Amino acid sequence: MSANVDEASAENERNSVIVQTENGSEVIFCQVAGLVARRIVSELKEGQEVKMGDRYGIIRFGSRADIYLSEEVEIKTLVGQTMIGGETIIAKFSS
C-alpha cells in the first residue's frame, strides 16, 4: 500500500533499527517501503558504532521513515516540514 497511509507501518516491508545514544537513550528508525518501492537496503551490522549524519540504508524509489523518540527529547521540526537526511536537525536530547 502507499507509504502515506497509517497501515503501511504495519503492513508494508520495513526495516527497523534501534540506536542507543551515549547517555543510554534509544532512538528507533523504521524504513517503510511504499507502493512502488520493492526493496529496502540496510548497511548496518549489529553492534556497529554510528555517528550523527551517517547513512544507515536506503529505500529504493523513496517511501518513508518513521522515527520514534523518548518523551524527554525536544522536537525541533514542524508538522509537515520537509526534512533532508543528514542535514535537518530533527530533535535535541537533553543533557
Protein backbone atom coordinates (compact mmCIF):
# COMPACT_ATOMS: atom_id res chain seq x y z
CA MET A 1 0.00 0.00 0.00
CA SER A 2 1.03 3.62 -0.31
CA ALA A 3 3.54 4.69 2.36
CA ASN A 4 1.46 7.74 3.32
CA VAL A 5 -1.32 5.70 4.94
CA ASP A 6 -1.06 4.72 8.62
CA GLU A 7 -1.44 0.98 7.94
CA ALA A 8 1.74 0.96 5.84
CA SER A 9 3.87 0.97 9.01
CA ALA A 10 2.49 -2.45 9.95
CA GLU A 11 1.68 -3.99 6.56
CA ASN A 12 4.45 -2.97 4.15
CA GLU A 13 8.01 -4.24 4.01
CA ARG A 14 10.01 -2.44 6.67
CA ASN A 15 13.37 -2.40 8.39
CA SER A 16 13.74 -1.24 11.99
CA VAL A 17 16.95 -0.06 13.68
CA ILE A 18 17.44 0.74 17.36
CA VAL A 19 20.24 3.17 18.17
CA GLN A 20 21.41 3.67 21.74
CA THR A 21 22.99 7.06 22.49
CA GLU A 22 25.97 7.63 24.76
CA ASN A 23 23.60 8.70 27.57
CA GLY A 24 21.55 5.49 27.22
CA SER A 25 18.53 6.92 25.35
CA GLU A 26 17.16 4.94 22.44
CA VAL A 27 16.03 6.14 19.02
CA ILE A 28 14.12 3.79 16.74
CA PHE A 29 14.20 4.27 12.95
CA CYS A 30 11.80 2.30 10.74
CA GLN A 31 12.21 2.42 6.99
CA VAL A 32 8.82 1.73 5.39
CA ALA A 33 8.58 0.75 1.73
CA GLY A 34 5.75 2.24 -0.31
CA LEU A 35 3.67 1.11 -3.23
CA VAL A 36 6.46 1.34 -5.82
CA ALA A 37 9.49 0.62 -3.62
CA ARG A 38 10.20 -3.07 -3.52
CA ARG A 39 13.49 -3.13 -1.71
CA ILE A 40 14.97 -1.71 1.49
CA VAL A 41 18.75 -1.81 1.80
CA SER A 42 20.29 -1.57 5.29
CA GLU A 43 24.03 -1.20 5.63
CA LEU A 44 24.19 -1.55 9.43
CA LYS A 45 25.52 -4.54 11.34
CA GLU A 46 24.51 -5.42 14.90
CA GLY A 47 26.75 -3.62 17.40
CA GLN A 48 28.10 -1.21 14.78
CA GLU A 49 29.00 2.26 16.07
CA VAL A 50 27.35 5.13 14.20
CA LYS A 51 27.51 8.91 14.48
CA MET A 52 25.14 11.74 13.60
CA GLY A 53 24.67 12.14 9.87
CA ASP A 54 25.76 8.59 8.98
CA ARG A 55 23.72 6.86 6.31
CA TYR A 56 22.26 3.62 7.51
CA GLY A 57 20.40 2.47 4.43
CA ILE A 58 18.18 3.39 1.53
CA ILE A 59 14.70 2.59 0.32
CA ARG A 60 14.65 2.15 -3.43
CA PHE A 61 12.25 4.62 -5.11
CA GLY A 62 11.55 6.62 -1.94
CA SER A 63 8.83 5.89 0.62
CA ARG A 64 9.13 6.97 4.26
CA ALA A 65 10.93 6.62 7.56
CA ASP A 66 9.23 6.58 10.97
CA ILE A 67 11.31 7.86 13.89
CA TYR A 68 10.41 7.06 17.49
CA LEU A 69 11.91 9.24 20.23
CA SER A 70 11.54 9.23 24.01
CA GLU A 71 9.41 11.88 25.71
CA GLU A 72 12.34 13.88 27.10
CA VAL A 73 13.56 14.72 23.59
CA GLU A 74 12.89 18.26 22.33
CA ILE A 75 11.44 18.15 18.80
CA LYS A 76 13.00 20.79 16.51
CA THR A 77 10.88 20.28 13.38
CA LEU A 78 7.36 21.35 12.46
CA VAL A 79 4.42 19.18 11.41
CA GLY A 80 4.53 18.83 7.63
CA GLN A 81 8.10 20.11 7.33
CA THR A 82 10.21 18.53 4.61
CA MET A 83 13.41 17.11 6.06
CA ILE A 84 16.67 16.26 4.32
CA GLY A 85 18.56 13.19 5.55
CA GLY A 86 21.86 14.05 7.18
CA GLU A 87 21.07 17.79 7.16
CA THR A 88 17.84 18.56 9.02
CA ILE A 89 18.06 18.66 12.82
CA ILE A 90 15.03 16.67 13.95
CA ALA A 91 15.37 16.76 17.74
CA LYS A 92 17.63 17.67 20.63
CA PHE A 93 18.40 15.37 23.54
CA SER A 94 18.54 16.96 26.97
CA SER A 95 21.98 16.67 28.53
